[in-house]
Amino acid sequence: MKNNKYKVISLFSGAGGLDLGFHQAGFEIIWANDFDKFAVQTYKENFTNNIILDDINNINMNEIPDADIIIGGFPCQPFSMMGSQLGFEDTRGTVFFTIVKLIKTMINRGNKPKVIVLENVRRLLTHDGGNTFKVIKNVLENDLNYKIFYKVLNSANFGVPQTRNRIFIVCFDKKDINFEFPKEAELTLTMQDLLEKNVDEKYFLSDKLLKTILSNGSGNYKAKSEIDLKIARPLCSTMHKMHRACQDNYVTDNGKVRRLTPREAARLQGFPDSFRIPVSDTQAYRQFGNAVTVNVARNIANSILEALNDK
């Protein structure tokens, strides 16, 4: 089967980082969903396929079309160091079982998806002493009968100067599949290579704010504040709040310190400059902070394609 015949459903699509990576690899996104109206606005500006604005729990599963592949970076806040870490006790953590419900609906229709791709924060592996991941793995392997592969990948090993460790779970319905995660590559760019020129003054810090930003962290986030890093710290969905420089990214520009622009955040996530940003800075920071790095998504998609076409 040629890659342009593999049809993909995208869940929790956000601005479309995972989708763009699969699109670049030649897959066809036929249906997408997100509950955030601003993310959907950005998605519609950049993709031609249908995206539904709604909570996935409100959507009739029988109205979602059959597809070869389901992809989704399900909400990470229940498992993240920056979030509450409540796991399945957080309603956002239970959407994993909504994904399971959709897969079972497709199976009952006689079309079991060939591949499932899930993304989340690295902490998913160790949350609740590893029990959360154990539940997820058991459901995928034993309830749904998939062969699963999982690995933590760092975006900095796939061409973007950002330290971003995320777990990717790739599931195949064929037990004899030959799949390998993509090989890492030497990083040739620095964050400085991705910076814009002639940046608006609104992104520069006042002397008063600079003192706070450069102070070291405290509590759970105690660390030395540094700016002008060659490899960016992980972008987060709350970077619009301007965290201290021990958590967030700041650069020196013509002798003054500033935050990153939304376009720079997009570049650090692998989005091309042709990717349109129709929303406010606050919403853009949230979207790119939540996004799956496009380069990583594309490399995984290519590895999946190779495995599928090898059968």
C-alpha atoms as a PDB file:
ATOM      1  CA  MET A   1       0.000   0.000   0.000  1.00  0.00           C
ATOM      2  CA  LYS A   2       1.380   3.412  -0.892  1.00  0.00           C
ATOM      3  CA  ASN A   3       1.638   6.004   1.823  1.00  0.00           C
ATOM      4  CA  ASN A   4      -0.958   8.347   0.321  1.00  0.00           C
ATOM      5  CA  LYS A   5      -3.585   5.678   0.971  1.00  0.00           C
ATOM      6  CA  TYR A   6      -2.981   5.520   4.715  1.00  0.00           C
ATOM      7  CA  LYS A   7      -5.747   7.573   6.287  1.00  0.00           C
ATOM      8  CA  VAL A   8      -5.240   9.208   9.662  1.00  0.00           C
ATOM      9  CA  ILE A   9      -7.563  10.439  12.414  1.00  0.00           C
ATOM     10  CA  SER A  10      -6.065  13.035  14.743  1.00  0.00           C
ATOM     11  CA  LEU A  11      -7.264  13.478  18.329  1.00  0.00           C
ATOM     12  CA  PHE A  12      -6.357  16.412  20.616  1.00  0.00           C
ATOM     13  CA  SER A  13      -4.859  17.998  17.516  1.00  0.00           C
ATOM     14  CA  GLY A  14      -3.996  21.412  18.933  1.00  0.00           C
ATOM     15  CA  ALA A  15      -2.211  23.558  16.379  1.00  0.00           C
ATOM     16  CA  GLY A  16      -1.297  20.419  14.451  1.00  0.00           C
ATOM     17  CA  GLY A  17       2.352  19.547  15.176  1.00  0.00           C
ATOM     18  CA  LEU A  18       1.759  15.794  15.096  1.00  0.00           C
ATOM     19  CA  ASP A  19      -0.541  16.178  12.091  1.00  0.00           C
ATOM     20  CA  LEU A  20       1.966  18.261  10.148  1.00  0.00           C
ATOM     21  CA  GLY A  21       4.694  15.680  10.698  1.00  0.00           C
ATOM     22  CA  PHE A  22       2.467  12.892   9.365  1.00  0.00           C
ATOM     23  CA  HIS A  23       1.311  15.093   6.485  1.00  0.00           C
ATOM     24  CA  GLN A  24       4.924  15.819   5.537  1.00  0.00           C
ATOM     25  CA  ALA A  25       5.582  12.059   5.512  1.00  0.00           C
ATOM     26  CA  GLY A  26       2.765  11.570   3.013  1.00  0.00           C
ATOM     27  CA  PHE A  27      -0.122  10.412   5.194  1.00  0.00           C
ATOM     28  CA  GLU A  28      -3.641  11.744   4.671  1.00  0.00           C
ATOM     29  CA  ILE A  29      -5.334  13.365   7.668  1.00  0.00           C
ATOM     30  CA  ILE A  30      -9.067  12.827   7.099  1.00  0.00           C
ATOM     31  CA  TRP A  31     -10.520  13.967  10.439  1.00  0.00           C
ATOM     32  CA  ALA A  32      -9.266  15.933  13.429  1.00  0.00           C
ATOM     33  CA  ASN A  33     -10.606  17.205  16.726  1.00  0.00           C
ATOM     34  CA  ASP A  34      -9.808  19.649  19.509  1.00  0.00           C
ATOM     35  CA  PHE A  35     -11.914  21.430  22.105  1.00  0.00           C
ATOM     36  CA  ASP A  36      -9.900  24.676  22.123  1.00  0.00           C
ATOM     37  CA  LYS A  37     -11.392  27.227  19.732  1.00  0.00           C
ATOM     38  CA  PHE A  38      -8.125  29.108  19.292  1.00  0.00           C
ATOM     39  CA  ALA A  39      -6.187  25.941  18.452  1.00  0.00           C
ATOM     40  CA  VAL A  40      -8.880  25.024  15.942  1.00  0.00           C
ATOM     41  CA  GLN A  41      -8.585  28.513  14.451  1.00  0.00           C
ATOM     42  CA  THR A  42      -4.855  27.994  13.909  1.00  0.00           C
ATOM     43  CA  TYR A  43      -5.420  24.484  12.566  1.00  0.00           C
ATOM     44  CA  LYS A  44      -7.968  25.673  10.005  1.00  0.00           C
ATOM     45  CA  GLU A  45      -5.545  28.326   8.776  1.00  0.00           C
ATOM     46  CA  ASN A  46      -2.970  25.663   7.942  1.00  0.00           C
ATOM     47  CA  PHE A  47      -4.759  22.424   7.058  1.00  0.00           C
ATOM     48  CA  THR A  48      -7.430  21.614   4.509  1.00  0.00           C
ATOM     49  CA  ASN A  49      -8.881  18.559   6.257  1.00  0.00           C
ATOM     50  CA  ASN A  50     -11.899  18.673   8.503  1.00  0.00           C
ATOM     51  CA  ILE A  51     -11.418  19.514  12.190  1.00  0.00           C
ATOM     52  CA  ILE A  52     -14.264  19.362  14.688  1.00  0.00           C
ATOM     53  CA  LEU A  53     -14.430  21.892  17.529  1.00  0.00           C
ATOM     54  CA  ASP A  54     -15.812  19.956  20.502  1.00  0.00           C
ATOM     55  CA  ASP A  55     -14.874  17.932  23.557  1.00  0.00           C
ATOM     56  CA  ILE A  56     -14.079  14.420  22.322  1.00  0.00           C
ATOM     57  CA  ASN A  57     -16.350  13.044  25.051  1.00  0.00           C
ATOM     58  CA  ASN A  58     -19.320  14.820  23.444  1.00  0.00           C
ATOM     59  CA  ILE A  59     -18.770  13.364  19.988  1.00  0.00           C
ATOM     60  CA  ASN A  60     -20.728  10.336  18.781  1.00  0.00           C
ATOM     61  CA  MET A  61     -18.055   7.719  18.073  1.00  0.00           C
ATOM     62  CA  ASN A  62     -20.077   6.352  15.173  1.00  0.00           C
ATOM     63  CA  GLU A  63     -19.774   9.717  13.426  1.00  0.00           C
ATOM     64  CA  ILE A  64     -15.981   9.483  13.368  1.00  0.00           C
ATOM     65  CA  PRO A  65     -14.839   7.872  10.105  1.00  0.00           C
ATOM     66  CA  ASP A  66     -12.776   4.702   9.917  1.00  0.00           C
ATOM     67  CA  ALA A  67      -9.072   5.164   9.392  1.00  0.00           C
ATOM     68  CA  ASP A  68      -5.847   3.205   9.171  1.00  0.00           C
ATOM     69  CA  ILE A  69      -4.113   5.191  11.884  1.00  0.00           C
ATOM     70  CA  ILE A  70      -5.122   7.133  14.996  1.00  0.00           C
ATOM     71  CA  ILE A  71      -2.695   9.733  16.331  1.00  0.00           C
ATOM     72  CA  GLY A  72      -2.980  11.873  19.431  1.00  0.00           C
ATOM     73  CA  GLY A  73      -0.966  13.717  22.036  1.00  0.00           C
ATOM     74  CA  PHE A  74      -3.503  13.261  24.799  1.00  0.00           C
ATOM     75  CA  PRO A  75      -3.489  15.914  27.576  1.00  0.00           C
ATOM     76  CA  CYS A  76      -0.222  15.838  29.493  1.00  0.00           C
ATOM     77  CA  GLN A  77      -1.097  18.128  32.414  1.00  0.00           C
ATOM     78  CA  PRO A  78      -2.295  15.268  34.662  1.00  0.00           C
ATOM     79  CA  PHE A  79       1.201  13.720  34.418  1.00  0.00           C
ATOM     80  CA  SER A  80       3.443  16.778  34.004  1.00  0.00           C
ATOM     81  CA  MET A  81       5.822  18.355  36.536  1.00  0.00           C
ATOM     82  CA  MET A  82       4.248  21.687  35.540  1.00  0.00           C
ATOM     83  CA  GLY A  83       0.749  20.325  36.184  1.00  0.00           C
ATOM     84  CA  SER A  84      -1.162  18.740  39.034  1.00  0.00           C
ATOM     85  CA  GLN A  85       0.194  15.196  38.465  1.00  0.00           C
ATOM     86  CA  LEU A  86      -3.196  13.725  39.384  1.00  0.00           C
ATOM     87  CA  GLY A  87      -3.087  11.228  36.526  1.00  0.00           C
ATOM     88  CA  PHE A  88      -6.328   9.325  36.015  1.00  0.00           C
ATOM     89  CA  GLU A  89      -7.857  11.251  38.937  1.00  0.00           C
ATOM     90  CA  ASP A  90      -7.736  14.324  36.686  1.00  0.00           C
ATOM     91  CA  THR A  91     -10.602  14.265  34.161  1.00  0.00           C
ATOM     92  CA  ARG A  92      -8.088  15.101  31.423  1.00  0.00           C
ATOM     93  CA  GLY A  93      -6.174  11.950  32.328  1.00  0.00           C
ATOM     94  CA  THR A  94      -9.194   9.754  31.664  1.00  0.00           C
ATOM     95  CA  VAL A  95      -9.367  10.724  27.975  1.00  0.00           C
ATOM     96  CA  PHE A  96      -7.048   7.790  27.335  1.00  0.00           C
ATOM     97  CA  PHE A  97     -10.082   5.595  27.890  1.00  0.00           C
ATOM     98  CA  THR A  98     -12.015   7.705  25.401  1.00  0.00           C
ATOM     99  CA  ILE A  99      -9.355   6.795  22.833  1.00  0.00           C
ATOM    100  CA  VAL A 100      -9.861   3.157  23.804  1.00  0.00           C
ATOM    101  CA  LYS A 101     -13.618   3.549  23.330  1.00  0.00           C
ATOM    102  CA  LEU A 102     -13.074   4.915  19.810  1.00  0.00           C
ATOM    103  CA  ILE A 103     -10.755   2.046  18.895  1.00  0.00           C
ATOM    104  CA  LYS A 104     -13.296  -0.480  20.156  1.00  0.00           C
ATOM    105  CA  THR A 105     -16.031   1.259  18.158  1.00  0.00           C
ATOM    106  CA  MET A 106     -13.945   0.906  14.991  1.00  0.00           C
ATOM    107  CA  ILE A 107     -13.186  -2.732  15.795  1.00  0.00           C
ATOM    108  CA  ASN A 108     -16.914  -3.405  16.190  1.00  0.00           C
ATOM    109  CA  ARG A 109     -17.440  -1.828  12.758  1.00  0.00           C
ATOM    110  CA  GLY A 110     -14.945  -4.302  11.324  1.00  0.00           C
ATOM    111  CA  ASN A 111     -12.091  -1.834  10.824  1.00  0.00           C
ATOM    112  CA  LYS A 112      -9.436  -2.127  13.494  1.00  0.00           C
ATOM    113  CA  PRO A 113      -6.873   0.674  13.059  1.00  0.00           C
ATOM    114  CA  LYS A 114      -3.538  -0.645  11.843  1.00  0.00           C
ATOM    115  CA  VAL A 115      -1.536   1.785  13.970  1.00  0.00           C
ATOM    116  CA  ILE A 116      -2.085   3.895  17.096  1.00  0.00           C
ATOM    117  CA  VAL A 117       0.380   6.665  17.966  1.00  0.00           C
ATOM    118  CA  LEU A 118       0.196   8.329  21.381  1.00  0.00           C
ATOM    119  CA  GLU A 119       2.411  11.073  22.806  1.00  0.00           C
ATOM    120  CA  ASN A 120       2.821  12.394  26.330  1.00  0.00           C
ATOM    121  CA  VAL A 121       5.342  13.775  28.798  1.00  0.00           C
ATOM    122  CA  ARG A 122       8.193  11.542  29.914  1.00  0.00           C
ATOM    123  CA  ARG A 123       6.786  11.467  33.455  1.00  0.00           C
ATOM    124  CA  LEU A 124       3.940   9.261  32.227  1.00  0.00           C
ATOM    125  CA  LEU A 125       6.384   6.352  32.581  1.00  0.00           C
ATOM    126  CA  THR A 126       6.952   6.919  36.303  1.00  0.00           C
ATOM    127  CA  HIS A 127       3.649   8.485  37.383  1.00  0.00           C
ATOM    128  CA  ASP A 128       2.152   6.743  40.423  1.00  0.00           C
ATOM    129  CA  GLY A 129       5.185   4.511  40.719  1.00  0.00           C
ATOM    130  CA  GLY A 130       4.760   3.310  37.153  1.00  0.00           C
ATOM    131  CA  ASN A 131       1.195   2.098  37.712  1.00  0.00           C
ATOM    132  CA  THR A 132      -0.388   4.581  35.299  1.00  0.00           C
ATOM    133  CA  PHE A 133       1.764   3.423  32.406  1.00  0.00           C
ATOM    134  CA  LYS A 134       1.236  -0.195  33.416  1.00  0.00           C
ATOM    135  CA  VAL A 135      -2.530   0.305  33.026  1.00  0.00           C
ATOM    136  CA  ILE A 136      -2.115   1.966  29.625  1.00  0.00           C
ATOM    137  CA  LYS A 137       0.243  -0.766  28.399  1.00  0.00           C
ATOM    138  CA  ASN A 138      -2.049  -3.532  29.634  1.00  0.00           C
ATOM    139  CA  VAL A 139      -5.105  -2.050  27.894  1.00  0.00           C
ATOM    140  CA  LEU A 140      -3.282  -1.609  24.589  1.00  0.00           C
ATOM    141  CA  GLU A 141      -1.660  -5.043  24.622  1.00  0.00           C
ATOM    142  CA  ASN A 142      -4.269  -7.257  26.260  1.00  0.00           C
ATOM    143  CA  ASP A 143      -7.638  -5.530  25.812  1.00  0.00           C
ATOM    144  CA  LEU A 144      -7.023  -4.212  22.303  1.00  0.00           C
ATOM    145  CA  ASN A 145      -4.451  -6.818  21.224  1.00  0.00           C
ATOM    146  CA  TYR A 146      -1.813  -4.460  19.823  1.00  0.00           C
ATOM    147  CA  LYS A 147       1.925  -4.943  19.733  1.00  0.00           C
ATOM    148  CA  ILE A 148       3.369  -1.829  21.327  1.00  0.00           C
ATOM    149  CA  PHE A 149       6.684  -0.032  21.118  1.00  0.00           C
ATOM    150  CA  TYR A 150       7.525   2.937  23.311  1.00  0.00           C
ATOM    151  CA  LYS A 151      10.476   5.239  23.723  1.00  0.00           C
ATOM    152  CA  VAL A 152      11.356   8.650  25.116  1.00  0.00           C
ATOM    153  CA  LEU A 153      12.628  10.894  22.323  1.00  0.00           C
ATOM    154  CA  ASN A 154      14.337  14.259  22.705  1.00  0.00           C
ATOM    155  CA  SER A 155      13.521  16.897  20.086  1.00  0.00           C
ATOM    156  CA  ALA A 156      17.143  18.074  20.182  1.00  0.00           C
ATOM    157  CA  ASN A 157      18.114  14.759  18.569  1.00  0.00           C
ATOM    158  CA  PHE A 158      15.878  15.448  15.578  1.00  0.00           C
ATOM    159  CA  GLY A 159      17.083  18.764  14.252  1.00  0.00           C
ATOM    160  CA  VAL A 160      15.619  21.410  16.576  1.00  0.00           C
ATOM    161  CA  PRO A 161      17.622  23.107  19.347  1.00  0.00           C
ATOM    162  CA  GLN A 162      15.160  22.414  22.153  1.00  0.00           C
ATOM    163  CA  THR A 163      15.503  19.924  24.989  1.00  0.00           C
ATOM    164  CA  ARG A 164      12.102  18.254  24.922  1.00  0.00           C
ATOM    165  CA  ASN A 165      11.746  14.694  26.149  1.00  0.00           C
ATOM    166  CA  ARG A 166       8.450  13.043  25.285  1.00  0.00           C
ATOM    167  CA  ILE A 167       7.298   9.453  25.330  1.00  0.00           C
ATOM    168  CA  PHE A 168       5.889   8.053  22.111  1.00  0.00           C
ATOM    169  CA  ILE A 169       3.804   4.886  22.148  1.00  0.00           C
ATOM    170  CA  VAL A 170       3.430   3.237  18.744  1.00  0.00           C
ATOM    171  CA  CYS A 171       1.005   0.311  18.494  1.00  0.00           C
ATOM    172  CA  PHE A 172       0.561  -2.116  15.566  1.00  0.00           C
ATOM    173  CA  ASP A 173      -2.250  -4.584  14.997  1.00  0.00           C
ATOM    174  CA  LYS A 174       0.219  -7.008  13.339  1.00  0.00           C
ATOM    175  CA  LYS A 175       2.311  -8.913  15.880  1.00  0.00           C
ATOM    176  CA  ASP A 176       5.067  -9.734  13.375  1.00  0.00           C
ATOM    177  CA  ILE A 177       5.696  -6.097  12.457  1.00  0.00           C
ATOM    178  CA  ASN A 178       9.296  -4.926  12.115  1.00  0.00           C
ATOM    179  CA  PHE A 179       9.356  -1.431  13.618  1.00  0.00           C
ATOM    180  CA  GLU A 180      12.231   0.653  14.896  1.00  0.00           C
ATOM    181  CA  PHE A 181      12.095   4.169  16.259  1.00  0.00           C
ATOM    182  CA  PRO A 182      13.905   6.716  14.079  1.00  0.00           C
ATOM    183  CA  LYS A 183      17.633   7.143  14.488  1.00  0.00           C
ATOM    184  CA  GLU A 184      18.912  10.234  16.238  1.00  0.00           C
ATOM    185  CA  ALA A 185      20.974  12.808  14.350  1.00  0.00           C
ATOM    186  CA  GLU A 186      23.630  15.290  15.397  1.00  0.00           C
ATOM    187  CA  LEU A 187      22.221  18.739  16.106  1.00  0.00           C
ATOM    188  CA  THR A 188      23.638  21.402  13.797  1.00  0.00           C
ATOM    189  CA  LEU A 189      21.529  24.400  14.890  1.00  0.00           C
ATOM    190  CA  THR A 190      21.483  26.552  18.008  1.00  0.00           C
ATOM    191  CA  MET A 191      18.591  28.564  19.368  1.00  0.00           C
ATOM    192  CA  GLN A 192      20.371  31.689  18.125  1.00  0.00           C
ATOM    193  CA  ASP A 193      20.106  30.397  14.550  1.00  0.00           C
ATOM    194  CA  LEU A 194      16.312  30.551  14.820  1.00  0.00           C
ATOM    195  CA  LEU A 195      15.946  34.059  16.238  1.00  0.00           C
ATOM    196  CA  GLU A 196      14.116  36.793  14.350  1.00  0.00           C
ATOM    197  CA  LYS A 197      15.635  40.130  13.479  1.00  0.00           C
ATOM    198  CA  ASN A 198      14.124  43.552  14.228  1.00  0.00           C
ATOM    199  CA  VAL A 199      11.899  42.242  17.014  1.00  0.00           C
ATOM    200  CA  ASP A 200       9.089  44.434  18.380  1.00  0.00           C
ATOM    201  CA  GLU A 201       9.892  46.290  21.602  1.00  0.00           C
ATOM    202  CA  LYS A 202       6.990  44.594  23.413  1.00  0.00           C
ATOM    203  CA  TYR A 203       9.068  41.410  23.720  1.00  0.00           C
ATOM    204  CA  PHE A 204      11.890  43.135  25.639  1.00  0.00           C
ATOM    205  CA  LEU A 205      11.999  43.082  29.442  1.00  0.00           C
ATOM    206  CA  SER A 206      11.900  46.180  31.615  1.00  0.00           C
ATOM    207  CA  ASP A 207      14.694  46.604  34.179  1.00  0.00           C
ATOM    208  CA  LYS A 208      12.229  45.850  36.980  1.00  0.00           C
ATOM    209  CA  LEU A 209      10.947  42.663  35.405  1.00  0.00           C
ATOM    210  CA  LEU A 210      14.448  41.586  34.386  1.00  0.00           C
ATOM    211  CA  LYS A 211      15.517  41.413  38.031  1.00  0.00           C
ATOM    212  CA  THR A 212      12.696  38.982  38.807  1.00  0.00           C
ATOM    213  CA  ILE A 213      13.228  36.917  35.670  1.00  0.00           C
ATOM    214  CA  LEU A 214      16.939  36.453  36.381  1.00  0.00           C
ATOM    215  CA  SER A 215      16.456  35.407  40.014  1.00  0.00           C
ATOM    216  CA  ASN A 216      16.921  31.723  40.761  1.00  0.00           C
ATOM    217  CA  GLY A 217      13.897  29.494  41.209  1.00  0.00           C
ATOM    218  CA  SER A 218      12.442  28.240  44.444  1.00  0.00           C
ATOM    219  CA  GLY A 219      10.429  25.298  45.738  1.00  0.00           C
ATOM    220  CA  ASN A 220       9.909  22.569  43.148  1.00  0.00           C
ATOM    221  CA  TYR A 221      11.655  24.604  40.464  1.00  0.00           C
ATOM    222  CA  LYS A 222      14.824  25.709  42.251  1.00  0.00           C
ATOM    223  CA  ALA A 223      17.526  26.066  39.637  1.00  0.00           C
ATOM    224  CA  LYS A 224      20.055  28.537  38.341  1.00  0.00           C
ATOM    225  CA  SER A 225      18.652  31.118  35.942  1.00  0.00           C
ATOM    226  CA  GLU A 226      20.428  31.272  32.603  1.00  0.00           C
ATOM    227  CA  ILE A 227      19.755  33.090  29.353  1.00  0.00           C
ATOM    228  CA  ASP A 228      21.146  32.763  25.823  1.00  0.00           C
ATOM    229  CA  LEU A 229      21.156  28.977  25.938  1.00  0.00           C
ATOM    230  CA  LYS A 230      22.368  27.229  22.790  1.00  0.00           C
ATOM    231  CA  ILE A 231      19.690  24.569  23.207  1.00  0.00           C
ATOM    232  CA  ALA A 232      16.387  25.926  24.480  1.00  0.00           C
ATOM    233  CA  ARG A 233      14.657  24.717  27.604  1.00  0.00           C
ATOM    234  CA  PRO A 234      11.421  22.811  26.983  1.00  0.00           C
ATOM    235  CA  LEU A 235       8.709  25.139  25.725  1.00  0.00           C
ATOM    236  CA  CYS A 236       5.640  25.017  27.952  1.00  0.00           C
ATOM    237  CA  SER A 237       2.023  26.028  27.478  1.00  0.00           C
ATOM    238  CA  THR A 238       2.305  28.673  30.205  1.00  0.00           C
ATOM    239  CA  MET A 239       5.298  30.551  28.798  1.00  0.00           C
ATOM    240  CA  HIS A 240       3.035  33.535  28.168  1.00  0.00           C
ATOM    241  CA  LYS A 241       3.226  34.062  31.963  1.00  0.00           C
ATOM    242  CA  MET A 242       6.977  34.678  31.640  1.00  0.00           C
ATOM    243  CA  HIS A 243       8.517  32.288  34.149  1.00  0.00           C
ATOM    244  CA  ARG A 244      11.942  32.854  35.638  1.00  0.00           C
ATOM    245  CA  ALA A 245      14.936  32.151  33.429  1.00  0.00           C
ATOM    246  CA  CYS A 246      15.518  28.872  35.259  1.00  0.00           C
ATOM    247  CA  GLN A 247      12.339  27.574  33.607  1.00  0.00           C
ATOM    248  CA  ASP A 248      11.864  29.650  30.478  1.00  0.00           C
ATOM    249  CA  ASN A 249      13.876  30.926  27.518  1.00  0.00           C
ATOM    250  CA  TYR A 250      15.275  34.443  27.203  1.00  0.00           C
ATOM    251  CA  VAL A 251      17.860  35.881  24.833  1.00  0.00           C
ATOM    252  CA  THR A 252      20.057  38.945  24.563  1.00  0.00           C
ATOM    253  CA  ASP A 253      19.233  41.102  21.556  1.00  0.00           C
ATOM    254  CA  ASN A 254      21.321  44.228  20.881  1.00  0.00           C
ATOM    255  CA  GLY A 255      22.373  44.396  24.514  1.00  0.00           C
ATOM    256  CA  LYS A 256      18.863  43.970  25.935  1.00  0.00           C
ATOM    257  CA  VAL A 257      17.083  40.864  27.216  1.00  0.00           C
ATOM    258  CA  ARG A 258      13.832  39.695  25.683  1.00  0.00           C
ATOM    259  CA  ARG A 259      11.475  36.753  25.605  1.00  0.00           C
ATOM    260  CA  LEU A 260      11.003  34.576  22.543  1.00  0.00           C
ATOM    261  CA  THR A 261       8.483  35.634  19.919  1.00  0.00           C
ATOM    262  CA  PRO A 262       5.669  33.272  18.870  1.00  0.00           C
ATOM    263  CA  ARG A 263       7.436  32.693  15.543  1.00  0.00           C
ATOM    264  CA  GLU A 264      10.621  31.703  17.341  1.00  0.00           C
ATOM    265  CA  ALA A 265       8.620  29.324  19.542  1.00  0.00           C
ATOM    266  CA  ALA A 266       7.113  27.838  16.383  1.00  0.00           C
ATOM    267  CA  ARG A 267      10.569  27.371  14.848  1.00  0.00           C
ATOM    268  CA  LEU A 268      11.800  25.631  18.005  1.00  0.00           C
ATOM    269  CA  GLN A 269       8.943  23.164  17.509  1.00  0.00           C
ATOM    270  CA  GLY A 270       9.837  22.522  13.877  1.00  0.00           C
ATOM    271  CA  PHE A 271       7.014  24.537  12.296  1.00  0.00           C
ATOM    272  CA  PRO A 272       8.039  26.194   9.005  1.00  0.00           C
ATOM    273  CA  ASP A 273       7.754  29.953   8.569  1.00  0.00           C
ATOM    274  CA  SER A 274       4.927  29.309   6.104  1.00  0.00           C
ATOM    275  CA  PHE A 275       2.829  28.102   9.048  1.00  0.00           C
ATOM    276  CA  ARG A 276       0.332  30.864   9.761  1.00  0.00           C
ATOM    277  CA  ILE A 277      -0.267  32.187  13.291  1.00  0.00           C
ATOM    278  CA  PRO A 278      -3.709  33.872  13.319  1.00  0.00           C
ATOM    279  CA  VAL A 279      -4.127  34.101  17.106  1.00  0.00           C
ATOM    280  CA  SER A 280      -2.875  36.360  19.886  1.00  0.00           C
ATOM    281  CA  ASP A 281       0.600  35.938  21.349  1.00  0.00           C
ATOM    282  CA  THR A 282      -0.865  34.365  24.490  1.00  0.00           C
ATOM    283  CA  GLN A 283      -2.752  31.730  22.509  1.00  0.00           C
ATOM    284  CA  ALA A 284       0.225  31.139  20.217  1.00  0.00           C
ATOM    285  CA  TYR A 285       2.539  30.514  23.173  1.00  0.00           C
ATOM    286  CA  ARG A 286       0.018  28.032  24.574  1.00  0.00           C
ATOM    287  CA  GLN A 287      -0.322  26.215  21.278  1.00  0.00           C
ATOM    288  CA  PHE A 288       3.378  25.892  20.509  1.00  0.00           C
ATOM    289  CA  GLY A 289       4.117  25.036  24.133  1.00  0.00           C
ATOM    290  CA  ASN A 290       1.619  22.171  23.900  1.00  0.00           C
ATOM    291  CA  ALA A 291       2.608  21.032  20.411  1.00  0.00           C
ATOM    292  CA  VAL A 292       4.387  17.872  19.353  1.00  0.00           C
ATOM    293  CA  THR A 293       7.660  18.779  17.666  1.00  0.00           C
ATOM    294  CA  VAL A 294       7.057  18.470  13.923  1.00  0.00           C
ATOM    295  CA  ASN A 295      10.494  16.983  13.189  1.00  0.00           C
ATOM    296  CA  VAL A 296       9.978  14.181  15.692  1.00  0.00           C
ATOM    297  CA  ALA A 297       6.469  13.469  14.363  1.00  0.00           C
ATOM    298  CA  ARG A 298       7.731  13.312  10.771  1.00  0.00           C
ATOM    299  CA  ASN A 299      10.558  10.932  11.653  1.00  0.00           C
ATOM    300  CA  ILE A 300       8.193   8.619  13.545  1.00  0.00           C
ATOM    301  CA  ALA A 301       5.732   8.733  10.642  1.00  0.00           C
ATOM    302  CA  ASN A 302       8.485   7.754   8.217  1.00  0.00           C
ATOM    303  CA  SER A 303       9.485   4.832  10.450  1.00  0.00           C
ATOM    304  CA  ILE A 304       5.859   3.683  10.631  1.00  0.00           C
ATOM    305  CA  LEU A 305       5.556   3.958   6.858  1.00  0.00           C
ATOM    306  CA  GLU A 306       8.660   1.851   6.399  1.00  0.00           C
ATOM    307  CA  ALA A 307       7.285  -0.815   8.752  1.00  0.00           C
ATOM    308  CA  LEU A 308       3.867  -0.891   7.069  1.00  0.00           C
ATOM    309  CA  ASN A 309       5.262  -1.068   3.566  1.00  0.00           C
ATOM    310  CA  ASP A 310       7.623  -3.844   4.620  1.00  0.00           C
ATOM    311  CA  LYS A 311       4.646  -6.147   5.270  1.00  0.00           C
END
